[in-house]
Amino acid sequence: MTITIVGAGLGGLSLARVLHVHGIEATVLDLDASPSARAQGGMLDIHDDSGQVALRAAGLHAEFEALIHSGGQETRVYDRTAALLFSAADDGTGGRPEVDRGALRDLLLNSLPAGTVRWGAKVNAAEPLSGGRHRLALADGTSLTTDVLIGADGVWSRIRPLVSPEKPAYAGISFVEIDLLDADSRHPDAAALLGGGMSFALGEDKGFLAHREPDGSLHVYVAVRVPETWTASVDFTEHAAAKAAVLSHFDGWSNRLRALVEDADSELVARLVHALPVEHSWSRVPGVTLLGDAAHLMSPFAGEGANLAMLDGAELGLALARHPDDVERALAEYEAELFPRSAKSAAESAQSLDSCFRADAPAALLELFGA
């Protein structure tokens, strides 16, 4: 039996690792030319009831603990005047420790046999064959067939159309990502404002979400409720003009918060937030299933995306290990748990997005933290 996983993100690699632990090998296809072809993003909070469950199933929890960013669970909430409304220190007892996404991905990658991941293998199309098998057409002109196909290929999955006609829709919020480097020495006021963990400064339809990274930099997501076309209307290669365009949404906000954009060291990178329908599901299709964003893309405002992807991968791997001679039973069991779990988290994420940017923001966030 051949198993092919499309996508070497956290979910696809968690699946490959759990399969390997149980003596089942798989091939992972990824469009990137190499593991270091692009940056993997910033910090992730790995939840004890999902992401950490996956790491235990993968036999990697002890190694994960060595990656935890000490102090990363500190939380602060501000309003638009930069008045501190809530603060909680990281006392080491929280269930959502922060780790660098790239370091976590490397942990999973390095736990797999050499050659498990085929880099530079972009899937252009997938078509069903008889008996639940599928043929994948790759960008280099080659093709391959597989007995079991798993789409772990993210937002614009090439595998999703095999099971579902749904496409991600714009959620109404766009991010502009920025970095302030060597914050303690180069940006001391920003470092003092944002602290050692995660911070929020929210108002109606906009805000700043930031975290400190292990290298001492500050990674900031500037969020604005704008039309889907807004990011295309701004030339983000022109730094001064791009900063002005972003700051035009923050007239009347504290200069301490505006300075996060004005003093940014990095390029400004725009990202639109998309989501699949909250209760996205599909009927059982022989030989194929999805995990992670391919299955249940949601807004990031509940912090569930990476955690659910890893849990999906672990649960699917365990199901295949339980039923090595009955793939359809394994996939059916996996999906029976996947759909209600992801629907619950997607609903929470959608609600959290609306709450974070409603007229009385950050009131809802303060309620969540018990402030």
Protein backbone atom coordinates (compact mmCIF):
# COMPACT_ATOMS: atom_id res chain seq x y z
CA MET A 1 0.00 0.00 0.00
CA THR A 2 1.40 3.38 -1.01
CA ILE A 3 0.50 6.46 1.02
CA THR A 4 1.13 9.93 -0.40
CA ILE A 5 0.83 13.09 1.67
CA VAL A 6 0.70 16.37 -0.26
CA GLY A 7 2.21 19.15 1.84
CA ALA A 8 5.13 19.17 4.28
CA GLY A 9 3.59 21.53 6.80
CA LEU A 10 3.08 20.68 10.46
CA GLY A 11 0.01 18.54 9.78
CA GLY A 12 1.47 16.50 6.94
CA LEU A 13 4.71 15.92 8.82
CA SER A 14 2.84 14.92 12.00
CA LEU A 15 0.99 12.31 9.96
CA ALA A 16 4.18 11.01 8.37
CA ARG A 17 5.89 10.79 11.76
CA VAL A 18 3.05 8.92 13.49
CA LEU A 19 2.89 6.49 10.57
CA HIS A 20 6.65 5.97 10.82
CA VAL A 21 6.40 5.29 14.55
CA HIS A 22 3.98 2.49 13.69
CA GLY A 23 6.16 1.06 10.96
CA ILE A 24 4.19 2.50 8.05
CA GLU A 25 6.10 4.54 5.52
CA ALA A 26 4.69 7.34 3.41
CA THR A 27 5.90 9.80 0.80
CA VAL A 28 5.44 13.53 1.39
CA LEU A 29 5.35 15.84 -1.63
CA ASP A 30 6.09 19.53 -1.18
CA LEU A 31 6.29 22.30 -3.75
CA ASP A 32 9.17 24.11 -2.00
CA ALA A 33 12.61 23.46 -3.46
CA SER A 34 14.07 22.71 -0.03
CA PRO A 35 13.20 22.89 3.69
CA SER A 36 14.73 26.37 3.86
CA ALA A 37 13.20 27.76 0.67
CA ARG A 38 10.95 30.16 2.58
CA ALA A 39 10.40 31.46 6.08
CA GLN A 40 8.01 29.39 8.18
CA GLY A 41 6.37 32.21 10.13
CA GLY A 42 6.57 33.31 13.72
CA MET A 43 5.59 31.87 17.10
CA LEU A 44 2.92 29.27 17.79
CA ASP A 45 1.19 28.44 21.04
CA ILE A 46 0.99 24.65 21.18
CA HIS A 47 -2.06 23.52 23.13
CA ASP A 48 -1.97 20.71 25.66
CA ASP A 49 -5.25 19.25 24.32
CA SER A 50 -4.33 19.19 20.63
CA GLY A 51 -0.85 20.04 19.36
CA GLN A 52 0.85 18.46 22.36
CA VAL A 53 -1.36 15.37 22.04
CA ALA A 54 -0.03 15.00 18.50
CA LEU A 55 3.57 15.39 19.66
CA ARG A 56 3.09 12.70 22.27
CA ALA A 57 1.67 10.36 19.62
CA ALA A 58 4.72 11.18 17.50
CA GLY A 59 7.08 10.36 20.37
CA LEU A 60 8.52 13.88 20.28
CA HIS A 61 7.08 15.64 23.32
CA ALA A 62 10.33 15.67 25.29
CA GLU A 63 12.17 17.19 22.33
CA PHE A 64 9.36 19.73 21.94
CA GLU A 65 9.78 20.87 25.55
CA ALA A 66 13.37 21.85 24.77
CA LEU A 67 12.04 24.29 22.12
CA ILE A 68 9.65 26.18 24.41
CA HIS A 69 10.21 29.93 24.51
CA SER A 70 10.47 30.79 28.19
CA GLY A 71 8.19 33.69 29.05
CA GLY A 72 6.24 33.35 25.81
CA GLN A 73 2.88 32.83 27.53
CA GLU A 74 2.92 36.34 29.01
CA THR A 75 -0.19 38.19 27.79
CA ARG A 76 -1.04 41.87 27.62
CA VAL A 77 -4.14 43.69 26.34
CA TYR A 78 -4.21 47.40 25.47
CA ASP A 79 -6.75 49.78 24.06
CA ARG A 80 -6.14 52.28 21.25
CA THR A 81 -4.56 54.77 23.69
CA ALA A 82 -1.98 52.15 24.73
CA ALA A 83 -3.54 51.95 28.19
CA LEU A 84 -2.77 48.54 29.71
CA LEU A 85 -6.06 46.82 30.52
CA PHE A 86 -4.84 43.29 31.31
CA SER A 87 -1.53 41.64 32.04
CA ALA A 88 -0.67 38.06 32.96
CA ALA A 89 2.88 36.84 33.49
CA ASP A 90 4.16 33.49 32.25
CA ASP A 91 4.56 31.44 35.41
CA GLY A 92 5.37 28.26 33.53
CA THR A 93 2.10 26.54 34.38
CA GLY A 94 0.06 27.47 31.31
CA GLY A 95 -1.08 24.86 28.82
CA ARG A 96 -0.13 26.76 25.68
CA PRO A 97 3.65 27.25 25.56
CA GLU A 98 5.11 29.21 22.66
CA VAL A 99 7.58 27.76 20.17
CA ASP A 100 9.07 28.95 16.92
CA ARG A 101 7.15 27.44 13.98
CA GLY A 102 10.33 26.81 12.01
CA ALA A 103 12.00 25.00 14.91
CA LEU A 104 8.92 22.82 15.39
CA ARG A 105 8.82 21.97 11.72
CA ASP A 106 12.52 21.06 11.81
CA LEU A 107 11.86 18.76 14.77
CA LEU A 108 9.25 16.86 12.76
CA LEU A 109 11.34 16.82 9.59
CA ASN A 110 14.43 15.51 11.33
CA SER A 111 12.41 12.69 12.91
CA LEU A 112 11.65 11.18 9.49
CA PRO A 113 13.82 8.86 7.42
CA ALA A 114 15.90 10.58 4.74
CA GLY A 115 13.98 10.84 1.49
CA THR A 116 10.53 10.81 3.05
CA VAL A 117 9.90 14.34 1.75
CA ARG A 118 10.27 14.96 -1.97
CA TRP A 119 11.11 18.64 -2.33
CA GLY A 120 10.24 20.57 -5.47
CA ALA A 121 7.33 18.21 -6.14
CA LYS A 122 4.45 20.55 -6.92
CA VAL A 123 1.14 18.84 -7.57
CA ASN A 124 -0.70 20.45 -10.48
CA ALA A 125 -3.67 18.09 -10.62
CA ALA A 126 -5.11 14.95 -9.06
CA GLU A 127 -7.55 12.50 -10.63
CA PRO A 128 -9.30 9.42 -9.29
CA LEU A 129 -8.60 5.96 -10.68
CA SER A 130 -10.37 2.71 -9.93
CA GLY A 131 -10.29 1.09 -6.49
CA GLY A 132 -9.71 4.33 -4.57
CA ARG A 133 -6.34 4.98 -6.19
CA HIS A 134 -5.34 8.40 -7.53
CA ARG A 135 -2.94 9.78 -10.10
CA LEU A 136 -1.04 12.98 -9.34
CA ALA A 137 0.35 15.17 -12.13
CA LEU A 138 3.44 17.09 -11.03
CA ALA A 139 4.71 20.42 -12.33
CA ASP A 140 7.89 18.80 -13.71
CA GLY A 141 5.81 16.76 -16.15
CA THR A 142 5.99 13.49 -14.22
CA SER A 143 3.13 11.68 -12.52
CA LEU A 144 2.64 9.09 -9.83
CA THR A 145 -0.15 6.89 -8.55
CA THR A 146 -1.00 6.15 -4.95
CA ASP A 147 -3.32 3.89 -3.00
CA VAL A 148 -4.02 6.46 -0.27
CA LEU A 149 -3.93 10.21 -0.84
CA ILE A 150 -3.96 12.85 1.89
CA GLY A 151 -4.31 16.53 1.13
CA ALA A 152 -2.28 18.48 3.68
CA ASP A 153 -1.60 21.25 1.20
CA GLY A 154 -3.17 24.21 2.90
CA VAL A 155 -5.44 27.06 1.91
CA TRP A 156 -5.57 26.52 -1.86
CA SER A 157 -5.39 22.73 -1.74
CA ARG A 158 -5.15 20.89 -5.05
CA ILE A 159 -6.55 17.80 -3.35
CA ARG A 160 -9.68 19.39 -1.82
CA PRO A 161 -11.65 19.38 -5.13
CA LEU A 162 -11.57 15.57 -5.08
CA VAL A 163 -13.90 15.60 -2.06
CA SER A 164 -15.47 19.07 -1.85
CA PRO A 165 -16.43 21.97 -4.15
CA GLU A 166 -15.93 24.53 -1.38
CA LYS A 167 -13.33 27.29 -1.74
CA PRO A 168 -11.99 29.62 0.95
CA ALA A 169 -13.73 32.97 1.23
CA TYR A 170 -12.26 36.26 2.43
CA ALA A 171 -13.05 36.71 6.12
CA GLY A 172 -13.07 40.52 6.01
CA ILE A 173 -9.75 41.10 7.81
CA SER A 174 -6.32 41.60 6.29
CA PHE A 175 -2.98 41.44 8.08
CA VAL A 176 0.17 43.41 7.41
CA GLU A 177 3.12 41.64 9.02
CA ILE A 178 6.16 43.59 10.21
CA ASP A 179 9.26 42.96 12.32
CA LEU A 180 11.20 45.15 14.71
CA LEU A 181 14.65 43.65 15.09
CA ASP A 182 16.86 43.53 18.20
CA ALA A 183 14.02 45.24 20.02
CA ASP A 184 15.61 45.76 23.44
CA SER A 185 18.42 47.89 22.05
CA ARG A 186 16.93 49.32 18.84
CA HIS A 187 13.29 49.71 19.88
CA PRO A 188 13.27 49.89 23.69
CA ASP A 189 9.87 51.56 23.98
CA ALA A 190 8.21 48.95 21.77
CA ALA A 191 9.99 46.19 23.70
CA ALA A 192 8.74 47.60 27.00
CA LEU A 193 5.22 48.02 25.63
CA LEU A 194 4.86 44.52 24.17
CA GLY A 195 6.73 42.57 26.84
CA GLY A 196 8.00 39.03 26.52
CA GLY A 197 5.00 37.21 25.11
CA MET A 198 1.80 37.98 23.22
CA SER A 199 0.11 41.37 23.25
CA PHE A 200 -3.07 42.80 21.77
CA ALA A 201 -4.09 46.41 21.14
CA LEU A 202 -7.58 46.40 19.68
CA GLY A 203 -10.28 48.79 18.56
CA GLU A 204 -13.21 48.74 16.20
CA ASP A 205 -12.26 47.08 12.89
CA LYS A 206 -8.50 47.16 13.53
CA GLY A 207 -5.69 46.45 15.91
CA PHE A 208 -2.17 45.22 16.61
CA LEU A 209 -1.32 41.64 17.57
CA ALA A 210 2.32 41.05 18.46
CA HIS A 211 4.70 38.57 20.01
CA ARG A 212 8.33 38.51 21.00
CA GLU A 213 10.45 35.90 19.25
CA PRO A 214 13.36 33.99 20.81
CA ASP A 215 15.89 36.06 18.83
CA GLY A 216 14.72 39.25 20.57
CA SER A 217 12.72 40.62 17.65
CA LEU A 218 9.07 41.68 17.75
CA HIS A 219 6.73 40.23 15.14
CA VAL A 220 3.63 42.36 14.66
CA TYR A 221 0.40 41.62 12.81
CA VAL A 222 -1.40 44.84 11.95
CA ALA A 223 -5.05 43.89 11.39
CA VAL A 224 -7.54 46.01 9.45
CA ARG A 225 -11.08 45.34 8.31
CA VAL A 226 -10.87 46.32 4.64
CA PRO A 227 -12.26 45.18 1.29
CA GLU A 228 -10.56 42.16 -0.27
CA THR A 229 -9.05 44.43 -2.93
CA TRP A 230 -7.26 46.74 -0.45
CA THR A 231 -3.94 44.91 -0.28
CA ALA A 232 -3.67 44.93 -4.07
CA SER A 233 -4.21 48.70 -4.08
CA VAL A 234 -1.10 49.32 -1.95
CA ASP A 235 2.45 49.02 -3.32
CA PHE A 236 4.10 47.23 -0.43
CA THR A 237 7.51 47.47 -2.11
CA GLU A 238 7.47 51.22 -1.45
CA HIS A 239 8.06 51.18 2.30
CA ALA A 240 7.22 54.79 3.11
CA ALA A 241 4.03 54.77 1.06
CA ALA A 242 3.00 51.38 2.44
CA LYS A 243 3.54 52.51 6.01
CA ALA A 244 1.46 55.61 5.34
CA ALA A 245 -1.34 53.51 3.84
CA VAL A 246 -1.41 51.26 6.90
CA LEU A 247 -1.20 54.12 9.37
CA SER A 248 -4.08 55.94 7.68
CA HIS A 249 -6.32 53.38 9.39
CA PHE A 250 -4.95 54.33 12.82
CA ASP A 251 -5.60 58.07 13.03
CA GLY A 252 -6.14 58.99 16.67
CA TRP A 253 -4.36 55.91 18.01
CA SER A 254 -1.48 56.19 20.47
CA ASN A 255 1.84 57.23 18.98
CA ARG A 256 3.42 54.31 20.85
CA LEU A 257 1.30 51.92 18.81
CA ARG A 258 1.70 53.80 15.54
CA ALA A 259 5.45 53.65 16.05
CA LEU A 260 5.30 49.87 15.61
CA VAL A 261 4.63 50.55 11.94
CA GLU A 262 6.70 53.71 11.58
CA ASP A 263 9.82 52.04 13.00
CA ALA A 264 9.45 48.65 11.30
CA ASP A 265 12.78 47.24 10.11
CA SER A 266 11.39 44.63 7.75
CA GLU A 267 9.35 44.76 4.61
CA LEU A 268 5.60 45.01 5.11
CA VAL A 269 3.94 41.77 4.03
CA ALA A 270 0.20 41.76 3.37
CA ARG A 271 -1.86 38.64 4.05
CA LEU A 272 -5.58 38.23 3.56
CA VAL A 273 -7.47 36.10 6.09
CA HIS A 274 -9.62 33.41 4.45
CA ALA A 275 -11.87 30.71 5.85
CA LEU A 276 -13.86 27.71 4.71
CA PRO A 277 -17.49 27.32 5.87
CA VAL A 278 -17.63 26.60 9.59
CA GLU A 279 -19.18 23.16 9.18
CA HIS A 280 -17.18 22.12 6.13
CA SER A 281 -17.39 18.38 5.54
CA TRP A 282 -17.75 15.90 2.69
CA SER A 283 -19.09 12.47 1.92
CA ARG A 284 -16.63 9.57 2.09
CA VAL A 285 -14.58 9.41 -1.12
CA PRO A 286 -12.54 6.21 -1.50
CA GLY A 287 -8.83 6.49 -0.95
CA VAL A 288 -8.56 10.20 -0.17
CA THR A 289 -9.03 12.64 2.72
CA LEU A 290 -7.82 16.04 3.96
CA LEU A 291 -6.25 17.50 7.07
CA GLY A 292 -5.34 20.91 8.43
CA ASP A 293 -6.19 24.04 6.44
CA ALA A 294 -7.10 21.92 3.42
CA ALA A 295 -9.93 20.45 5.52
CA HIS A 296 -11.00 23.28 7.84
CA LEU A 297 -9.33 26.58 7.08
CA MET A 298 -10.37 29.11 9.72
CA SER A 299 -9.34 32.55 10.91
CA PRO A 300 -6.36 32.60 13.30
CA PHE A 301 -8.23 34.30 16.12
CA ALA A 302 -8.61 31.21 18.27
CA GLY A 303 -5.05 29.98 17.74
CA GLU A 304 -6.27 26.58 16.57
CA GLY A 305 -4.99 26.19 13.00
CA ALA A 306 -1.56 24.63 13.53
CA ASN A 307 -2.73 22.70 16.59
CA LEU A 308 -5.64 21.12 14.76
CA ALA A 309 -3.47 20.30 11.75
CA MET A 310 -1.06 18.40 13.97
CA LEU A 311 -3.87 16.64 15.80
CA ASP A 312 -5.50 15.75 12.48
CA GLY A 313 -2.23 14.23 11.30
CA ALA A 314 -1.75 12.23 14.48
CA GLU A 315 -5.36 10.97 14.57
CA LEU A 316 -5.25 9.96 10.91
CA GLY A 317 -1.94 8.17 11.41
CA LEU A 318 -3.31 6.28 14.39
CA ALA A 319 -6.44 5.29 12.47
CA LEU A 320 -4.37 3.93 9.59
CA ALA A 321 -2.16 2.06 12.05
CA ARG A 322 -5.25 0.49 13.70
CA HIS A 323 -6.64 -0.69 10.36
CA PRO A 324 -3.70 -1.33 8.01
CA ASP A 325 -5.79 -3.74 5.94
CA ASP A 326 -8.94 -1.62 5.81
CA VAL A 327 -8.12 1.88 4.62
CA GLU A 328 -11.74 2.89 4.16
CA ARG A 329 -12.57 2.04 7.75
CA ALA A 330 -9.57 4.05 8.92
CA LEU A 331 -10.52 7.09 6.84
CA ALA A 332 -14.17 6.88 7.91
CA GLU A 333 -13.20 6.73 11.60
CA TYR A 334 -10.86 9.67 11.17
CA GLU A 335 -13.45 11.84 9.41
CA ALA A 336 -16.13 10.97 11.96
CA GLU A 337 -13.95 12.67 14.60
CA LEU A 338 -12.56 15.36 12.30
CA PHE A 339 -15.80 17.02 11.25
CA PRO A 340 -17.35 17.86 14.65
CA ARG A 341 -13.95 18.77 16.13
CA SER A 342 -13.08 21.20 13.36
CA ALA A 343 -16.60 22.67 13.19
CA LYS A 344 -16.44 23.55 16.89
CA SER A 345 -13.05 25.26 16.52
CA ALA A 346 -14.06 27.03 13.30
CA ALA A 347 -17.15 28.46 14.99
CA GLU A 348 -15.03 29.68 17.89
CA SER A 349 -12.53 31.25 15.50
CA ALA A 350 -15.23 33.06 13.52
CA GLN A 351 -16.79 34.34 16.73
CA SER A 352 -13.41 35.44 18.04
CA LEU A 353 -12.67 37.39 14.86
CA ASP A 354 -15.92 39.33 15.19
CA SER A 355 -15.38 39.87 18.92
CA CYS A 356 -11.84 41.16 18.52
CA PHE A 357 -12.89 43.93 16.16
CA ARG A 358 -16.36 44.92 17.32
CA ALA A 359 -17.18 48.49 18.34
CA ASP A 360 -16.34 47.97 22.02
CA ALA A 361 -13.05 46.10 21.42
CA PRO A 362 -11.14 44.90 23.36
CA ALA A 363 -14.02 44.22 25.77
CA ALA A 364 -14.66 40.68 24.52
CA LEU A 365 -11.00 39.73 24.86
CA LEU A 366 -10.94 41.05 28.40
CA GLU A 367 -13.99 38.95 29.21
CA LEU A 368 -12.24 35.89 27.81
CA PHE A 369 -9.24 36.51 30.08
CA GLY A 370 -11.49 37.13 33.07
CA ALA A 371 -10.46 40.77 33.41
